[in-house]
Amino acid sequence: MSLLDALKWRYATKKMSGEAVPQDKVDQIIEAARLAPTSSGLQPFRVIVVTNPELKEKIKPIAYGQPQITDASHLLIFASWDNYTEERIRSVFSHAAQERGLPDDAPSDYEVQLTGGLLGKTAEQNQAHTAKQAYIAFGTAIAEAALLQVDATPMEGFNNAQLDELLGLHERGLRSVTILALGYRAQEGDWLVNLKKVRTPANQFQIDFN
């Protein structure tokens, strides 16, 4: 299946069967998110995997009672850094140098410039930036799930502050951004499954400057 065919197949599943997604497929979806591009390769987010039924029950009211929370096989919660720090940035560059067998005696001019620019912004500005990076990986994970024919429901409809508190994300320097519910569509009870996929017409979506 091509990516375009996979994207035509997928939809935001409204009712899941509860069938478990094989772990190897979940691993591939998470790996796709890990390999997604991010600004300066900083990857300022983490993916939290929830399978515990009791924890999903606690998350459900935080997500306004959406049934996919408990019907899904896995919940992938994308949580981004609450801010950039010199330590976090240094750790990323140091790891890259080690992996590439390069010297890491001192920060490069690029790292110094990048660090100065990011630390000159407010925590709110930086958290907005880290959330954007999480969304890149979020979209990549959705595409990989479609290629594997795993249903995935992107979810922004939840109380971020309450989810952060439940999962203790503040102590980890993280803030929840989105939830991706993974599972398989139910045979009945999903009002969206048989509706035509509708998007902006191609001749309106693409704007050419020739």
Protein backbone atom coordinates (compact mmCIF):
# COMPACT_ATOMS: atom_id res chain seq x y z
CA MET A 1 0.00 0.00 0.00
CA SER A 2 1.33 3.44 -0.92
CA LEU A 3 1.20 6.27 1.58
CA LEU A 4 -1.52 7.99 -0.46
CA ASP A 5 -3.61 4.80 -0.47
CA ALA A 6 -3.07 4.46 3.29
CA LEU A 7 -4.18 8.04 3.90
CA LYS A 8 -7.29 7.46 1.82
CA TRP A 9 -8.02 4.36 3.90
CA ARG A 10 -7.61 5.96 7.31
CA TYR A 11 -10.11 8.13 9.15
CA ALA A 12 -10.49 9.42 12.69
CA THR A 13 -12.04 6.27 14.12
CA LYS A 14 -14.91 7.05 16.47
CA LYS A 15 -15.59 3.56 17.79
CA MET A 16 -12.89 0.98 18.41
CA SER A 17 -13.37 -2.74 18.93
CA GLY A 18 -11.00 -3.18 21.87
CA GLU A 19 -8.87 -5.63 19.86
CA ALA A 20 -5.20 -5.39 20.83
CA VAL A 21 -2.74 -3.97 18.33
CA PRO A 22 0.30 -6.28 18.03
CA GLN A 23 3.28 -4.89 19.92
CA ASP A 24 5.54 -4.97 16.86
CA LYS A 25 3.17 -2.61 15.05
CA VAL A 26 2.99 -0.27 18.04
CA ASP A 27 6.80 -0.30 18.15
CA GLN A 28 6.96 0.64 14.46
CA ILE A 29 4.56 3.54 14.96
CA ILE A 30 6.59 4.87 17.89
CA GLU A 31 9.82 4.40 15.94
CA ALA A 32 8.38 6.43 13.08
CA ALA A 33 7.67 9.23 15.56
CA ARG A 34 11.21 8.94 16.93
CA LEU A 35 12.69 9.25 13.44
CA ALA A 36 10.56 12.25 12.48
CA PRO A 37 12.38 15.49 11.67
CA THR A 38 12.55 18.23 14.30
CA SER A 39 14.10 21.68 14.50
CA SER A 40 17.89 21.31 14.90
CA GLY A 41 17.30 17.64 15.72
CA LEU A 42 16.42 18.53 19.32
CA GLN A 43 13.41 16.19 19.62
CA PRO A 44 11.97 18.25 22.49
CA PHE A 45 9.18 15.85 23.35
CA ARG A 46 8.52 12.34 24.55
CA VAL A 47 5.88 9.71 23.77
CA ILE A 48 4.06 8.21 26.75
CA VAL A 49 2.42 4.83 26.14
CA VAL A 50 -0.66 3.94 28.18
CA THR A 51 -2.19 0.44 28.12
CA ASN A 52 -3.29 0.09 31.75
CA PRO A 53 -7.13 -0.13 31.79
CA GLU A 54 -7.45 1.61 35.15
CA LEU A 55 -5.31 4.52 34.01
CA LYS A 56 -7.30 4.82 30.77
CA GLU A 57 -10.48 4.98 32.86
CA LYS A 58 -8.96 7.91 34.78
CA ILE A 59 -7.99 9.65 31.55
CA LYS A 60 -11.45 9.23 29.98
CA PRO A 61 -13.23 12.00 31.94
CA ILE A 62 -10.23 14.26 31.35
CA ALA A 63 -10.88 13.64 27.62
CA TYR A 64 -14.57 14.55 28.02
CA GLY A 65 -15.75 10.95 28.00
CA GLN A 66 -14.59 10.06 24.51
CA PRO A 67 -14.97 6.27 24.18
CA GLN A 68 -11.76 5.79 22.17
CA ILE A 69 -9.77 6.45 25.34
CA THR A 70 -10.89 3.19 26.93
CA ASP A 71 -11.73 1.23 23.76
CA ALA A 72 -8.30 1.80 22.21
CA SER A 73 -5.55 -0.78 22.53
CA HIS A 74 -2.87 1.84 23.22
CA LEU A 75 -2.83 5.54 23.96
CA LEU A 76 0.21 7.46 22.75
CA ILE A 77 0.47 10.75 24.59
CA PHE A 78 2.80 13.25 22.95
CA ALA A 79 4.27 15.51 25.63
CA SER A 80 6.71 18.30 24.85
CA TRP A 81 9.39 19.99 26.93
CA ASP A 82 8.05 22.83 29.06
CA ASN A 83 11.09 24.94 28.09
CA TYR A 84 14.53 24.81 26.54
CA THR A 85 17.48 24.79 28.91
CA GLU A 86 21.20 24.87 28.30
CA GLU A 87 21.49 21.42 29.88
CA ARG A 88 18.85 19.88 27.62
CA ILE A 89 20.35 21.37 24.46
CA ARG A 90 23.89 20.37 25.48
CA SER A 91 22.73 16.81 26.13
CA VAL A 92 21.31 16.48 22.60
CA PHE A 93 24.44 17.79 20.91
CA SER A 94 26.73 15.75 23.15
CA HIS A 95 24.79 12.57 22.34
CA ALA A 96 24.98 13.29 18.61
CA ALA A 97 28.73 13.82 18.77
CA GLN A 98 29.21 10.59 20.70
CA GLU A 99 27.08 8.59 18.26
CA ARG A 100 28.98 10.01 15.29
CA GLY A 101 32.40 9.51 16.84
CA LEU A 102 33.12 13.22 16.82
CA PRO A 103 34.98 15.28 19.44
CA ASP A 104 32.81 17.00 22.00
CA ASP A 105 35.33 19.17 23.82
CA ALA A 106 33.23 22.33 23.63
CA PRO A 107 29.93 23.47 22.13
CA SER A 108 30.14 24.38 18.45
CA ASP A 109 29.45 27.91 17.25
CA TYR A 110 26.08 26.70 15.95
CA GLU A 111 25.13 25.21 19.31
CA VAL A 112 26.15 28.39 21.13
CA GLN A 113 24.11 30.51 18.72
CA LEU A 114 21.10 28.18 18.93
CA THR A 115 21.23 28.02 22.72
CA GLY A 116 21.45 31.79 23.04
CA GLY A 117 18.51 32.29 20.73
CA LEU A 118 16.27 29.81 22.51
CA LEU A 119 17.18 30.89 26.03
CA GLY A 120 16.39 34.46 25.03
CA LYS A 121 12.74 33.55 24.58
CA THR A 122 10.08 33.12 27.24
CA ALA A 123 9.08 29.70 28.55
CA GLU A 124 5.69 30.17 26.92
CA GLN A 125 7.27 30.86 23.53
CA ASN A 126 9.58 27.88 23.85
CA GLN A 127 6.81 25.52 24.94
CA ALA A 128 4.81 26.56 21.87
CA HIS A 129 7.86 25.71 19.76
CA THR A 130 8.42 22.33 21.39
CA ALA A 131 4.73 21.51 20.88
CA LYS A 132 5.11 22.23 17.15
CA GLN A 133 7.94 19.72 17.00
CA ALA A 134 5.77 17.14 18.75
CA TYR A 135 3.11 17.67 16.09
CA ILE A 136 5.57 16.74 13.34
CA ALA A 137 6.16 13.38 15.03
CA PHE A 138 2.44 13.06 15.76
CA GLY A 139 1.62 13.33 12.05
CA THR A 140 4.39 10.89 11.16
CA ALA A 141 2.98 8.36 13.63
CA ILE A 142 -0.49 8.73 12.12
CA ALA A 143 0.90 8.06 8.64
CA GLU A 144 2.84 4.99 9.83
CA ALA A 145 -0.27 3.63 11.56
CA ALA A 146 -2.20 4.01 8.32
CA LEU A 147 0.49 2.14 6.38
CA LEU A 148 0.19 -0.69 8.92
CA GLN A 149 -3.62 -0.51 8.73
CA VAL A 150 -3.87 0.29 12.39
CA ASP A 151 -6.67 2.72 13.15
CA ALA A 152 -5.54 5.87 14.88
CA THR A 153 -7.63 8.68 16.31
CA PRO A 154 -5.86 12.03 16.78
CA MET A 155 -7.21 13.71 19.89
CA GLU A 156 -6.82 17.28 21.13
CA GLY A 157 -10.06 17.28 23.07
CA PHE A 158 -8.82 16.88 26.62
CA ASN A 159 -7.86 19.02 29.61
CA ASN A 160 -4.10 19.32 29.31
CA ALA A 161 -3.54 20.60 32.83
CA GLN A 162 -5.51 17.73 34.39
CA LEU A 163 -3.71 15.13 32.28
CA ASP A 164 -0.35 16.63 33.21
CA GLU A 165 -1.27 16.39 36.88
CA LEU A 166 -2.53 12.80 36.60
CA LEU A 167 0.65 11.63 34.89
CA GLY A 168 3.04 13.77 36.94
CA LEU A 169 4.38 15.44 33.81
CA HIS A 170 5.38 18.66 35.57
CA GLU A 171 8.00 16.75 37.54
CA ARG A 172 9.45 15.52 34.24
CA GLY A 173 9.50 18.98 32.68
CA LEU A 174 6.82 17.98 30.16
CA ARG A 175 3.42 19.22 29.03
CA SER A 176 0.85 17.07 27.21
CA VAL A 177 0.15 18.14 23.63
CA THR A 178 -1.92 15.47 21.88
CA ILE A 179 -3.20 11.92 22.28
CA LEU A 180 -3.14 9.26 19.56
CA ALA A 181 -5.52 6.37 20.27
CA LEU A 182 -4.48 3.17 18.48
CA GLY A 183 -6.77 0.23 17.82
CA TYR A 184 -9.11 -1.28 15.25
CA ARG A 185 -12.41 0.09 14.05
CA ALA A 186 -15.55 -1.55 15.41
CA GLN A 187 -17.88 -3.22 12.92
CA GLU A 188 -20.84 -1.31 14.34
CA GLY A 189 -21.42 1.90 16.22
CA ASP A 190 -19.09 4.24 14.30
CA TRP A 191 -21.09 6.96 12.53
CA LEU A 192 -18.09 8.08 10.48
CA VAL A 193 -16.84 4.78 9.06
CA ASN A 194 -18.99 4.69 5.91
CA LEU A 195 -18.99 8.39 5.13
CA LYS A 196 -17.02 9.67 2.16
CA LYS A 197 -13.66 11.21 3.01
CA VAL A 198 -13.91 14.91 2.21
CA ARG A 199 -11.02 17.31 1.84
CA THR A 200 -10.47 20.70 0.21
CA PRO A 201 -10.49 20.20 -3.60
CA ALA A 202 -6.97 19.88 -5.03
CA ASN A 203 -7.43 22.88 -7.34
CA GLN A 204 -8.19 25.04 -4.30
CA PHE A 205 -5.66 23.45 -1.94
CA GLN A 206 -2.63 24.12 -4.16
CA ILE A 207 -1.76 27.72 -4.94
CA ASP A 208 0.78 28.21 -7.72
CA PHE A 209 3.02 31.20 -8.32
CA ASN A 210 4.42 30.86 -11.83
